Each structure stands twice: as C-alpha cells, then as structure tokens.
Protein backbone atom coordinates (compact mmCIF):
# COMPACT_ATOMS: atom_id res chain seq x y z
CA MET A 1 -42.32 21.30 2.91
CA PRO A 2 -41.12 17.71 3.53
CA PRO A 3 -41.74 16.21 7.00
CA ILE A 4 -39.54 17.77 9.68
CA ILE A 5 -37.22 15.20 11.23
CA ASP A 6 -35.45 15.31 14.58
CA SER A 7 -32.39 13.15 13.89
CA HIS A 8 -31.35 12.63 17.52
CA GLN A 9 -33.45 11.79 20.57
CA HIS A 10 -33.44 9.19 23.34
CA PHE A 11 -35.81 7.23 25.57
CA TRP A 12 -35.08 5.52 28.85
CA GLN A 13 -37.04 3.61 31.43
CA HIS A 14 -35.44 2.78 34.75
CA SER A 15 -37.43 -0.44 35.18
CA GLN A 16 -35.60 -1.83 32.13
CA PRO A 17 -32.51 -4.00 32.85
CA PHE A 18 -30.16 -1.35 31.50
CA ASP A 19 -27.24 0.63 32.90
CA TYR A 20 -28.19 4.25 33.55
CA ALA A 21 -25.26 4.92 35.90
CA TRP A 22 -24.29 7.95 33.79
CA GLN A 23 -27.36 9.67 35.28
CA ASP A 24 -26.13 9.23 38.88
CA GLY A 25 -24.37 12.58 39.40
CA PRO A 26 -26.25 15.40 41.14
CA GLU A 27 -26.16 17.53 37.97
CA MET A 28 -28.15 14.80 36.19
CA ALA A 29 -30.99 14.75 38.75
CA PRO A 30 -33.37 16.80 36.52
CA ILE A 31 -33.44 14.02 33.89
CA ARG A 32 -33.27 11.02 36.23
CA ARG A 33 -36.75 9.75 35.44
CA ASP A 34 -38.43 7.80 32.66
CA TYR A 35 -38.73 9.41 29.21
CA LEU A 36 -40.98 7.53 26.80
CA PRO A 37 -42.72 8.16 23.45
CA ALA A 38 -45.81 9.63 25.13
CA ASP A 39 -43.57 12.26 26.77
CA LEU A 40 -41.97 13.30 23.49
CA LYS A 41 -45.08 13.46 21.32
CA PRO A 42 -46.51 16.74 22.73
CA GLN A 43 -43.06 18.33 22.54
CA ILE A 44 -42.62 17.62 18.83
CA ASP A 45 -46.24 18.51 18.07
CA ALA A 46 -45.75 21.93 19.69
CA VAL A 47 -42.99 22.92 17.24
CA GLY A 48 -44.18 21.00 14.16
CA VAL A 49 -41.65 18.16 14.08
CA ASP A 50 -43.17 15.17 12.29
CA ARG A 51 -40.75 12.29 12.81
CA THR A 52 -37.81 11.41 15.04
CA ILE A 53 -34.82 9.10 15.17
CA PHE A 54 -34.01 7.36 18.44
CA VAL A 55 -30.29 7.01 19.22
CA GLN A 56 -28.89 4.34 21.55
CA THR A 57 -27.81 4.89 25.14
CA GLN A 58 -26.78 1.31 25.98
CA HIS A 59 -24.04 -1.11 24.94
CA ASN A 60 -26.67 -3.82 24.95
CA THR A 61 -28.61 -5.27 22.01
CA ALA A 62 -31.61 -5.66 24.31
CA GLU A 63 -32.12 -1.89 23.98
CA ASN A 64 -32.47 -2.39 20.21
CA ASP A 65 -35.31 -4.87 20.82
CA TRP A 66 -37.02 -2.63 23.37
CA VAL A 67 -36.96 0.49 21.18
CA LEU A 68 -37.92 -1.34 17.98
CA GLN A 69 -41.08 -2.35 19.86
CA LEU A 70 -41.68 1.30 20.83
CA ALA A 71 -41.15 2.28 17.19
CA ALA A 72 -43.67 -0.32 16.05
CA GLU A 73 -46.23 1.22 18.43
CA ASN A 74 -45.44 4.89 17.62
CA ASP A 75 -45.49 5.86 13.96
CA TYR A 76 -43.63 9.13 14.52
CA ILE A 77 -40.45 7.19 15.39
CA ALA A 78 -38.98 6.96 11.89
CA GLY A 79 -35.90 4.97 12.83
CA ILE A 80 -33.60 3.77 15.55
CA VAL A 81 -29.83 4.01 15.71
CA GLY A 82 -28.96 0.95 17.74
CA TRP A 83 -25.86 -0.85 18.96
CA VAL A 84 -23.84 -3.93 18.06
CA ASP A 85 -20.51 -4.98 19.52
CA LEU A 86 -18.08 -3.65 16.93
CA ALA A 87 -15.11 -5.31 18.67
CA SER A 88 -16.70 -8.77 18.67
CA PRO A 89 -16.28 -11.52 16.07
CA ASP A 90 -20.09 -11.80 16.37
CA CYS A 91 -20.58 -8.23 15.11
CA GLU A 92 -21.95 -9.26 11.70
CA GLU A 93 -24.23 -11.90 13.20
CA GLN A 94 -25.64 -9.29 15.61
CA LEU A 95 -26.14 -6.78 12.81
CA LEU A 96 -27.96 -9.27 10.60
CA ARG A 97 -30.54 -9.81 13.36
CA TYR A 98 -31.67 -6.21 12.89
CA LYS A 99 -30.56 -4.98 9.49
CA ASP A 100 -33.70 -5.92 7.57
CA ASN A 101 -36.07 -4.17 9.97
CA PRO A 102 -36.98 -0.98 8.05
CA LYS A 103 -36.84 1.05 11.27
CA PHE A 104 -33.30 -0.09 12.17
CA VAL A 105 -31.32 2.64 10.44
CA GLY A 106 -27.87 2.93 12.04
CA ILE A 107 -25.37 2.04 14.75
CA ARG A 108 -23.69 4.08 17.49
CA HIS A 109 -21.17 3.36 20.23
CA VAL A 110 -20.67 5.69 23.21
CA THR A 111 -17.08 6.22 22.09
CA HIS A 112 -16.38 9.25 24.25
CA ASP A 113 -16.84 7.20 27.44
CA GLU A 114 -14.27 4.56 26.48
CA PRO A 115 -11.17 4.69 28.74
CA ASP A 116 -9.00 4.26 25.63
CA ASP A 117 -9.08 7.50 23.63
CA ASP A 118 -8.04 5.48 20.57
CA PHE A 119 -10.77 2.83 20.97
CA ILE A 120 -12.53 3.71 17.72
CA VAL A 121 -9.39 3.13 15.60
CA ARG A 122 -8.40 -0.18 17.21
CA PRO A 123 -8.03 -2.90 14.55
CA ASP A 124 -10.86 -5.03 15.99
CA VAL A 125 -13.22 -2.04 16.04
CA ILE A 126 -12.24 -1.04 12.49
CA ASN A 127 -13.13 -4.61 11.48
CA GLY A 128 -16.58 -4.08 13.00
CA LEU A 129 -16.96 -0.80 11.14
CA ARG A 130 -16.04 -2.63 7.93
CA VAL A 131 -19.06 -4.88 8.59
CA LEU A 132 -21.24 -1.75 8.75
CA GLU A 133 -19.64 -0.48 5.53
CA LYS A 134 -20.28 -3.84 3.81
CA HIS A 135 -23.97 -3.70 4.73
CA GLN A 136 -24.28 0.09 4.24
CA VAL A 137 -25.44 0.74 7.81
CA PRO A 138 -24.54 4.32 8.86
CA PHE A 139 -22.50 5.05 11.99
CA ASP A 140 -22.85 7.87 14.52
CA LEU A 141 -19.55 9.28 15.83
CA LEU A 142 -20.02 10.26 19.48
CA PHE A 143 -16.81 12.16 20.19
CA PHE A 144 -15.37 14.76 22.49
CA VAL A 145 -13.06 17.27 20.82
CA LYS A 146 -10.05 15.13 21.81
CA HIS A 147 -11.37 12.27 19.63
CA LEU A 148 -12.24 14.36 16.58
CA HIS A 149 -8.94 13.77 14.77
CA HIS A 150 -10.02 10.13 14.41
CA ALA A 151 -12.80 11.15 12.03
CA GLN A 152 -10.29 11.70 9.22
CA THR A 153 -8.69 8.30 9.84
CA LEU A 154 -12.05 6.52 9.79
CA ALA A 155 -13.29 8.40 6.74
CA SER A 156 -10.21 7.52 4.70
CA GLU A 157 -10.14 3.88 5.90
CA LEU A 158 -13.88 3.43 5.33
CA PRO A 159 -14.74 5.68 2.37
CA ASN A 160 -18.08 3.99 1.71
CA LEU A 161 -19.34 4.10 5.31
CA PRO A 162 -21.70 7.03 5.93
CA MET A 163 -20.72 8.62 9.27
CA VAL A 164 -22.22 11.52 11.18
CA ILE A 165 -20.56 13.56 13.92
CA ASP A 166 -23.01 13.85 16.81
CA HIS A 167 -23.26 17.20 18.60
CA LEU A 168 -20.46 18.78 16.47
CA ALA A 169 -18.06 16.69 18.66
CA LYS A 170 -19.00 18.81 21.69
CA PRO A 171 -16.94 21.98 21.26
CA ARG A 172 -16.39 24.15 24.36
CA ILE A 173 -19.30 26.51 23.70
CA LYS A 174 -19.46 27.69 27.32
CA ASP A 175 -15.91 29.05 26.93
CA GLY A 176 -16.54 30.38 23.42
CA ALA A 177 -13.56 28.23 22.36
CA MET A 178 -12.82 26.92 18.88
CA ASP A 179 -9.01 26.67 18.84
CA ASP A 180 -8.86 22.99 19.90
CA TRP A 181 -11.77 21.97 17.65
CA LEU A 182 -11.83 23.85 14.38
CA ASP A 183 -8.93 22.31 12.44
CA ASN A 184 -10.02 18.70 12.95
CA PHE A 185 -13.67 19.61 12.36
CA ARG A 186 -12.74 21.20 9.02
CA ALA A 187 -10.55 18.24 8.14
CA ALA A 188 -13.39 15.78 8.80
CA ALA A 189 -15.67 17.79 6.52
CA GLN A 190 -13.28 17.26 3.60
CA PHE A 191 -14.54 13.67 3.37
CA PRO A 192 -17.89 13.39 1.56
CA ASN A 193 -19.00 10.39 3.66
CA VAL A 194 -18.89 12.45 6.89
CA TYR A 195 -21.95 14.44 8.01
CA CYS A 196 -22.76 16.60 11.04
CA LYS A 197 -25.66 16.81 13.50
CA LEU A 198 -26.65 20.29 14.65
CA SER A 199 -27.47 18.86 18.06
CA GLY A 200 -26.33 18.73 21.67
CA MET A 201 -25.12 22.33 21.74
CA VAL A 202 -27.08 23.78 24.66
CA THR A 203 -25.56 21.29 27.10
CA GLU A 204 -22.07 22.40 25.99
CA ALA A 205 -23.06 26.02 26.69
CA ASP A 206 -23.80 27.64 30.06
CA TRP A 207 -26.84 25.63 31.20
CA GLN A 208 -28.43 28.54 33.05
CA ASN A 209 -27.49 31.48 30.87
CA TRP A 210 -27.00 30.39 27.25
CA THR A 211 -28.56 32.28 24.36
CA PRO A 212 -28.85 31.40 20.65
CA THR A 213 -26.00 33.87 20.05
CA ASP A 214 -23.65 31.52 21.92
CA LEU A 215 -24.43 28.73 19.45
CA LYS A 216 -24.24 30.83 16.31
CA PRO A 217 -20.48 30.65 15.54
CA TYR A 218 -20.55 26.85 15.79
CA VAL A 219 -23.62 26.43 13.60
CA GLU A 220 -22.20 28.84 11.02
CA THR A 221 -18.92 26.91 11.01
CA ALA A 222 -20.73 23.60 10.53
CA LEU A 223 -22.72 24.98 7.61
CA GLU A 224 -19.62 26.52 6.07
CA CYS A 225 -17.69 23.23 6.36
CA PHE A 226 -20.38 20.64 5.59
CA GLY A 227 -23.08 22.62 3.79
CA PRO A 228 -26.81 22.14 4.49
CA GLU A 229 -26.79 18.93 2.45
CA ARG A 230 -24.60 17.27 5.11
CA CYS A 231 -26.08 18.92 8.22
CA MET A 232 -29.16 17.71 10.12
CA TYR A 233 -31.19 18.98 13.06
CA GLY A 234 -31.21 16.99 16.29
CA SER A 235 -32.75 17.91 19.63
CA ASP A 236 -30.78 15.55 21.90
CA TRP A 237 -33.97 15.33 23.98
CA PRO A 238 -34.24 14.62 26.86
CA VAL A 239 -30.57 15.35 27.65
CA CYS A 240 -31.23 18.88 26.38
CA GLU A 241 -33.63 19.42 29.29
CA LEU A 242 -30.59 19.97 31.52
CA ALA A 243 -30.25 23.33 29.76
CA GLY A 244 -33.50 24.02 27.91
CA SER A 245 -36.85 22.69 26.79
CA TYR A 246 -37.44 20.93 23.48
CA GLU A 247 -39.11 24.07 22.16
CA GLN A 248 -36.21 26.31 23.24
CA VAL A 249 -33.68 24.04 21.51
CA TYR A 250 -35.67 23.86 18.27
CA ASN A 251 -36.35 27.61 18.21
CA ALA A 252 -32.72 28.40 18.99
CA LEU A 253 -31.57 26.61 15.84
CA VAL A 254 -34.25 28.34 13.75
CA ASP A 255 -33.13 31.66 15.23
CA VAL A 256 -29.44 31.00 14.59
CA LEU A 257 -30.06 29.89 11.00
CA GLY A 258 -31.91 33.12 10.26
CA PRO A 259 -33.29 33.80 6.77
CA ILE A 260 -32.09 30.78 4.78
CA SER A 261 -33.55 29.47 1.53
CA ASP A 262 -36.32 26.87 1.45
CA ALA A 263 -33.89 24.36 -0.06
CA GLU A 264 -31.38 24.89 2.77
CA ARG A 265 -34.10 24.60 5.42
CA ASP A 266 -35.51 21.43 3.82
CA ALA A 267 -32.03 19.88 3.85
CA ILE A 268 -31.25 20.67 7.49
CA PHE A 269 -34.66 19.77 8.88
CA SER A 270 -35.56 16.82 6.68
CA GLU A 271 -33.71 15.74 3.58
CA THR A 272 -30.20 15.20 4.97
CA ALA A 273 -31.45 12.87 7.72
CA THR A 274 -33.77 11.06 5.30
CA ARG A 275 -30.94 10.42 2.86
CA PHE A 276 -28.25 9.61 5.44
CA TYR A 277 -30.38 7.10 7.33
CA ASN A 278 -32.21 5.87 4.22
CA LEU A 279 -35.55 6.45 5.96
CA LYS A 280 -38.51 4.62 4.53
C-alpha cells in the first residue's frame, strides 16, 4: 500500500507573533495550548499514517516561514498549504518567494471568517487566484454551506486551478441536515478541477455524542459525487480534539467507508492527496 497521507492538520504555538483570537471562546479552551510536530507524531504512528500536510491558520506569510522550518526538521510533514494575500498586487511576488520550495504545496485563505460572504469572488481576489492558476499552485476552499455556491463560479472562471473543498463545506451534521448543502455540493463536483477533503466532520456533529453513523450519509454523498479519485482523508487535528481523538477520527472514516476496494482505499488515503498537491 502507498504511504498513508493525512491531507489536513495544523500546528500552533502561542509564543509565535500570530493571531490566535479564534481560540478565545470558552468552547475552545480544550485546544488552547501549543500543538507541535512532536505532539502529532505519536498520534499518526498509532494509526499508521505516514505523512501529513499542514494547512495554514494565519493570514500572515510569517506562518509559512515558521512551518517550512518545522517541515525541514520533521520528514513526516510532506507539505504545507500556506497563505499569500490574494487581494494584493504583491500576490505573485509573495507566491514566488515560496513556490520553488518542494514542501510548499498550496494556498488557503480563511474565507469563511471574512465579513463579506462574497469575498472569494471579488475581482481583486479572483486576480490573485489567477496567479495561483498560472503557477499551478492548488487552493483550499474553506467554506461554510452559505459560501458553497461560489465553488461553481470559481471552477468555471479558473478551470485549470486545482481546488479542494475543506471539511465538505461544513454541512450541519449535528442536525442531520443536507437540504441547504446538497445541491451546491453536487454542482461543485461537476467540475473536474474541484476535489473534496473527508475532514472536519466530527466538529460539525454533536461533540459529546457523535458516532460514525452520523458521518456516514455525508461521506457516502461525497464519494458518490466526487469519487475516490477526488476525495482525500484529513484529520483536522488538533481542532478535531474538541470532539474526538486523532485515533477516533481516523477509525471513524475507516468504519464509515466499510469494505471498499484496495484501489479506492489507496485513492482516499494516499493517491488523491499526492496527485492534488503534487507531493514529492
């Protein structure tokens, strides 16, 4: 079997000059501490994950520099999805600082926290995304359900930009709801340059009482729409610890997937992420 890849994890360190204000609420207290590569290594070893991809938390290129150093010191970090200012005329200049580092594999913006729900389709931001398309640097779509209709717009405007929907766009799993999500999710999947991360689901479920059964309809829908060749496993560690351990999250996806073929399993747990992020 090819190396198992976790396509979505984070690190943070509160002594760094970064903005972790999103962790301030009382519900975030369980993860309001440092999470570094030494904390993740035993977690991935316990379930047999070989390599991981760090995904940005900051709108600050200094985080790119910090995590690239961590990746240089920790071989299991296969790549980092960093940040550049898509709305800035300096977007391309920023990207070129990082693009040739073999561990710099993508870009993300915390779109769902922007006050403007249409931020990601603003002309200046589309111009930034065109820079990513020009240089073939993939983009992570961090959406709530209310933003998901933009995926079709982006995919048609930027047909050569590989994009991946993080966390299935956070459907209302706790409520068992699909009605506000399904049509736009299916529509996004019609575009071959759009992929999906099977990640971030437990924190959309009931944190205390979720079971793999709660996740099953959403995973099945993702596989039906995108196929294994455009779906990839992600833990969303350490955010997932609000609702479950690394091991629980990994085993829940294995449980939900059930008896699938070796080829399907290889795609979801390795090959899709390797191809999408062009991992070395």
